[in-house]
Amino acid sequence: MTGIKITLTIRESVIEFLDTIIYKVPTSPGLRVLRTRVYFKPTDTHQLLHANSFHPKHTPKGILKSQLIRFRRISTTKMDYEDAYSTLYATLKI
């Protein structure tokens, strides 16, 4: 029987939590702002429902749309959002 493995990583300016990275950005001397972006775990295979599955045709489109909405909500900056959706599109092209 195997147990659960828990790893503690301590870092000063970034932390991963579920599907989000929370990081600090310096804005002026002594001040920092928290920002967020999408976190893809190293084991994430980016698999979505196949477009040729026997689901209704609107279902795969809805999944793609919901992923893009989720990426937008998580990402603080436009650049972070663009990084997340380019990762998704690169996976879908394969």
N, C-alpha and C. Protein backbone atom coordinates (compact mmCIF):
# COMPACT_ATOMS: atom_id res chain seq x y z
N MET A 1 0.84 -1.17 0.00
CA MET A 1 0.00 0.00 0.00
C MET A 1 0.89 1.24 0.00
N THR A 2 0.58 2.18 -0.90
CA THR A 2 1.37 3.40 -0.97
C THR A 2 0.63 4.54 -0.28
N GLY A 3 1.39 5.45 0.25
CA GLY A 3 0.81 6.59 0.94
C GLY A 3 0.83 7.83 0.06
N ILE A 4 0.41 8.90 0.64
CA ILE A 4 0.41 10.18 -0.05
C ILE A 4 1.75 10.86 0.18
N LYS A 5 2.33 11.38 -0.89
CA LYS A 5 3.60 12.08 -0.78
C LYS A 5 3.32 13.58 -0.78
N ILE A 6 3.81 14.27 0.20
CA ILE A 6 3.64 15.71 0.33
C ILE A 6 5.02 16.35 0.29
N THR A 7 5.15 17.38 -0.55
CA THR A 7 6.40 18.09 -0.68
C THR A 7 6.20 19.54 -0.27
N LEU A 8 7.05 20.03 0.60
CA LEU A 8 7.00 21.42 1.03
C LEU A 8 8.11 22.18 0.32
N THR A 9 7.72 23.21 -0.43
CA THR A 9 8.68 24.06 -1.12
C THR A 9 8.48 25.49 -0.64
N ILE A 10 9.55 26.09 -0.16
CA ILE A 10 9.45 27.46 0.34
C ILE A 10 10.19 28.37 -0.63
N ARG A 11 9.46 29.38 -1.13
CA ARG A 11 10.04 30.38 -2.03
C ARG A 11 9.58 31.75 -1.62
N GLU A 12 10.37 32.74 -1.93
CA GLU A 12 10.11 34.11 -1.48
C GLU A 12 9.02 34.82 -2.29
N SER A 13 8.95 34.58 -3.61
CA SER A 13 8.10 35.44 -4.43
C SER A 13 7.07 34.71 -5.29
N VAL A 14 6.94 33.40 -5.20
CA VAL A 14 5.97 32.68 -6.04
C VAL A 14 5.47 31.44 -5.31
N ILE A 15 4.21 31.10 -5.55
CA ILE A 15 3.64 29.87 -5.00
C ILE A 15 2.60 29.33 -5.98
N GLU A 16 2.58 28.02 -6.14
CA GLU A 16 1.57 27.36 -6.96
C GLU A 16 0.48 26.82 -6.05
N PHE A 17 -0.76 27.08 -6.42
CA PHE A 17 -1.90 26.57 -5.66
C PHE A 17 -2.97 26.15 -6.65
N LEU A 18 -3.28 24.85 -6.66
CA LEU A 18 -4.22 24.26 -7.60
C LEU A 18 -3.82 24.62 -9.03
N ASP A 19 -4.61 25.40 -9.76
CA ASP A 19 -4.26 25.73 -11.15
C ASP A 19 -3.80 27.17 -11.29
N THR A 20 -3.29 27.75 -10.19
CA THR A 20 -2.92 29.16 -10.18
C THR A 20 -1.51 29.35 -9.62
N ILE A 21 -0.78 30.24 -10.25
CA ILE A 21 0.49 30.70 -9.70
C ILE A 21 0.26 32.10 -9.16
N ILE A 22 0.63 32.32 -7.92
CA ILE A 22 0.54 33.64 -7.32
C ILE A 22 1.98 34.13 -7.16
N TYR A 23 2.25 35.31 -7.71
CA TYR A 23 3.61 35.82 -7.67
C TYR A 23 3.63 37.31 -7.33
N LYS A 24 4.78 37.75 -6.79
CA LYS A 24 4.97 39.15 -6.40
C LYS A 24 5.73 39.89 -7.49
N VAL A 25 5.29 41.13 -7.75
CA VAL A 25 5.98 41.99 -8.71
C VAL A 25 6.31 43.30 -8.01
N PRO A 26 7.59 43.70 -8.01
CA PRO A 26 7.93 44.99 -7.39
C PRO A 26 7.38 46.14 -8.22
N THR A 27 6.74 47.11 -7.58
CA THR A 27 6.18 48.26 -8.29
C THR A 27 6.99 49.53 -8.01
N SER A 28 7.44 49.69 -6.82
CA SER A 28 8.29 50.81 -6.44
C SER A 28 9.12 50.36 -5.24
N PRO A 29 10.12 51.12 -4.85
CA PRO A 29 10.97 50.69 -3.74
C PRO A 29 10.16 50.31 -2.49
N GLY A 30 10.29 49.09 -2.08
CA GLY A 30 9.62 48.62 -0.87
C GLY A 30 8.19 48.14 -1.07
N LEU A 31 7.62 48.30 -2.27
CA LEU A 31 6.24 47.88 -2.52
C LEU A 31 6.20 46.76 -3.55
N ARG A 32 5.31 45.81 -3.31
CA ARG A 32 5.11 44.69 -4.23
C ARG A 32 3.63 44.47 -4.43
N VAL A 33 3.27 43.99 -5.62
CA VAL A 33 1.88 43.70 -5.96
C VAL A 33 1.77 42.21 -6.23
N LEU A 34 0.68 41.59 -5.77
CA LEU A 34 0.43 40.18 -6.08
C LEU A 34 -0.29 40.07 -7.41
N ARG A 35 0.16 39.15 -8.23
CA ARG A 35 -0.49 38.85 -9.50
C ARG A 35 -0.68 37.35 -9.62
N THR A 36 -1.56 36.96 -10.54
CA THR A 36 -1.83 35.54 -10.73
C THR A 36 -1.75 35.18 -12.21
N ARG A 37 -1.46 33.92 -12.47
CA ARG A 37 -1.47 33.37 -13.82
C ARG A 37 -1.80 31.88 -13.72
N VAL A 38 -2.09 31.28 -14.86
CA VAL A 38 -2.48 29.87 -14.90
C VAL A 38 -1.25 29.01 -14.65
N TYR A 39 -1.44 27.96 -13.85
CA TYR A 39 -0.38 27.00 -13.56
C TYR A 39 -0.74 25.66 -14.17
N PHE A 40 0.14 25.17 -15.03
CA PHE A 40 -0.03 23.83 -15.59
C PHE A 40 0.95 22.91 -14.86
N LYS A 41 0.43 21.92 -14.18
CA LYS A 41 1.28 20.99 -13.46
C LYS A 41 2.16 20.22 -14.45
N PRO A 42 3.32 19.77 -14.02
CA PRO A 42 4.20 19.02 -14.92
C PRO A 42 3.55 17.76 -15.49
N THR A 43 2.59 17.21 -14.78
CA THR A 43 1.92 16.00 -15.25
C THR A 43 0.70 16.29 -16.11
N ASP A 44 0.37 17.57 -16.33
CA ASP A 44 -0.79 17.95 -17.13
C ASP A 44 -0.57 17.56 -18.58
N THR A 45 -1.51 16.81 -19.17
CA THR A 45 -1.40 16.39 -20.56
C THR A 45 -2.26 17.24 -21.49
N HIS A 46 -2.97 18.21 -20.96
CA HIS A 46 -3.80 19.13 -21.74
C HIS A 46 -4.82 18.38 -22.60
N GLN A 47 -5.36 17.30 -22.09
CA GLN A 47 -6.33 16.54 -22.85
C GLN A 47 -7.73 17.07 -22.59
N LEU A 48 -8.41 17.38 -23.68
CA LEU A 48 -9.80 17.81 -23.62
C LEU A 48 -10.64 16.78 -24.36
N LEU A 49 -11.92 16.97 -24.36
CA LEU A 49 -12.83 16.08 -25.07
C LEU A 49 -12.55 16.17 -26.57
N HIS A 50 -12.39 15.03 -27.21
CA HIS A 50 -12.09 15.00 -28.64
C HIS A 50 -13.28 15.54 -29.44
N ALA A 51 -13.00 16.35 -30.46
CA ALA A 51 -14.07 16.98 -31.24
C ALA A 51 -14.92 15.97 -32.00
N ASN A 52 -14.37 14.79 -32.29
CA ASN A 52 -15.13 13.76 -33.02
C ASN A 52 -15.79 12.74 -32.10
N SER A 53 -15.89 13.07 -30.83
CA SER A 53 -16.56 12.16 -29.91
C SER A 53 -18.07 12.18 -30.18
N PHE A 54 -18.79 11.31 -29.54
CA PHE A 54 -20.23 11.19 -29.77
C PHE A 54 -21.05 12.13 -28.88
N HIS A 55 -20.43 13.19 -28.44
CA HIS A 55 -21.14 14.20 -27.68
C HIS A 55 -21.79 15.18 -28.64
N PRO A 56 -22.78 15.94 -28.21
CA PRO A 56 -23.36 16.96 -29.07
C PRO A 56 -22.27 17.93 -29.54
N LYS A 57 -22.42 18.46 -30.75
CA LYS A 57 -21.39 19.30 -31.36
C LYS A 57 -21.05 20.55 -30.54
N HIS A 58 -22.00 21.05 -29.76
CA HIS A 58 -21.71 22.25 -28.98
C HIS A 58 -20.84 21.96 -27.76
N THR A 59 -20.74 20.70 -27.36
CA THR A 59 -19.99 20.36 -26.14
C THR A 59 -18.50 20.63 -26.27
N PRO A 60 -17.81 20.15 -27.32
CA PRO A 60 -16.37 20.47 -27.43
C PRO A 60 -16.11 21.97 -27.55
N LYS A 61 -16.96 22.69 -28.25
CA LYS A 61 -16.80 24.14 -28.36
C LYS A 61 -16.98 24.80 -27.00
N GLY A 62 -17.93 24.30 -26.22
CA GLY A 62 -18.18 24.83 -24.89
C GLY A 62 -17.00 24.60 -23.95
N ILE A 63 -16.35 23.45 -24.09
CA ILE A 63 -15.19 23.15 -23.25
C ILE A 63 -14.05 24.11 -23.58
N LEU A 64 -13.81 24.33 -24.87
CA LEU A 64 -12.76 25.26 -25.27
C LEU A 64 -13.07 26.67 -24.77
N LYS A 65 -14.31 27.09 -24.93
CA LYS A 65 -14.71 28.42 -24.47
C LYS A 65 -14.54 28.55 -22.96
N SER A 66 -14.93 27.52 -22.22
CA SER A 66 -14.83 27.59 -20.76
C SER A 66 -13.37 27.64 -20.31
N GLN A 67 -12.48 26.95 -21.03
CA GLN A 67 -11.05 27.02 -20.69
C GLN A 67 -10.51 28.44 -20.90
N LEU A 68 -10.90 29.06 -22.01
CA LEU A 68 -10.43 30.42 -22.29
C LEU A 68 -10.97 31.41 -21.26
N ILE A 69 -12.21 31.24 -20.86
CA ILE A 69 -12.80 32.11 -19.82
C ILE A 69 -12.05 31.90 -18.50
N ARG A 70 -11.76 30.65 -18.16
CA ARG A 70 -11.04 30.34 -16.92
C ARG A 70 -9.64 30.96 -16.95
N PHE A 71 -8.94 30.85 -18.10
CA PHE A 71 -7.61 31.44 -18.23
C PHE A 71 -7.67 32.95 -18.02
N ARG A 72 -8.71 33.59 -18.60
CA ARG A 72 -8.84 35.05 -18.48
C ARG A 72 -9.09 35.46 -17.03
N ARG A 73 -9.92 34.70 -16.33
CA ARG A 73 -10.24 35.03 -14.94
C ARG A 73 -9.03 34.86 -14.02
N ILE A 74 -8.22 33.87 -14.30
CA ILE A 74 -7.06 33.60 -13.44
C ILE A 74 -5.93 34.59 -13.71
N SER A 75 -5.72 34.97 -14.97
CA SER A 75 -4.57 35.77 -15.37
C SER A 75 -4.78 37.25 -15.04
N THR A 76 -3.82 37.81 -14.33
CA THR A 76 -3.87 39.23 -13.98
C THR A 76 -3.52 40.10 -15.18
N THR A 77 -2.53 39.68 -15.95
CA THR A 77 -2.07 40.49 -17.08
C THR A 77 -2.44 39.84 -18.40
N LYS A 78 -2.48 40.64 -19.45
CA LYS A 78 -2.78 40.14 -20.78
C LYS A 78 -1.69 39.17 -21.25
N MET A 79 -0.44 39.45 -20.92
CA MET A 79 0.65 38.58 -21.32
C MET A 79 0.53 37.19 -20.69
N ASP A 80 0.13 37.13 -19.41
CA ASP A 80 -0.07 35.84 -18.75
C ASP A 80 -1.20 35.07 -19.41
N TYR A 81 -2.28 35.77 -19.78
CA TYR A 81 -3.40 35.14 -20.48
C TYR A 81 -2.95 34.60 -21.84
N GLU A 82 -2.20 35.39 -22.57
CA GLU A 82 -1.73 34.96 -23.89
C GLU A 82 -0.82 33.74 -23.78
N ASP A 83 0.01 33.68 -22.75
CA ASP A 83 0.87 32.51 -22.53
C ASP A 83 0.02 31.26 -22.29
N ALA A 84 -1.03 31.41 -21.49
CA ALA A 84 -1.88 30.26 -21.17
C ALA A 84 -2.63 29.77 -22.40
N TYR A 85 -3.25 30.69 -23.16
CA TYR A 85 -4.01 30.20 -24.30
C TYR A 85 -3.11 29.74 -25.44
N SER A 86 -1.89 30.27 -25.56
CA SER A 86 -0.98 29.75 -26.59
C SER A 86 -0.54 28.33 -26.24
N THR A 87 -0.40 28.02 -24.95
CA THR A 87 -0.10 26.66 -24.54
C THR A 87 -1.23 25.72 -24.93
N LEU A 88 -2.47 26.15 -24.69
CA LEU A 88 -3.63 25.34 -25.05
C LEU A 88 -3.72 25.15 -26.57
N TYR A 89 -3.57 26.21 -27.34
CA TYR A 89 -3.65 26.10 -28.81
C TYR A 89 -2.54 25.25 -29.39
N ALA A 90 -1.35 25.36 -28.82
CA ALA A 90 -0.24 24.52 -29.30
C ALA A 90 -0.55 23.05 -29.08
N THR A 91 -1.20 22.73 -27.99
CA THR A 91 -1.60 21.35 -27.70
C THR A 91 -2.69 20.88 -28.65
N LEU A 92 -3.63 21.75 -28.97
CA LEU A 92 -4.74 21.37 -29.84
C LEU A 92 -4.29 21.16 -31.28
N LYS A 93 -3.22 21.81 -31.71
CA LYS A 93 -2.74 21.66 -33.08
C LYS A 93 -2.13 20.29 -33.33
N ILE A 94 -1.64 19.66 -32.29
CA ILE A 94 -0.96 18.36 -32.43
C ILE A 94 -1.94 17.29 -32.85
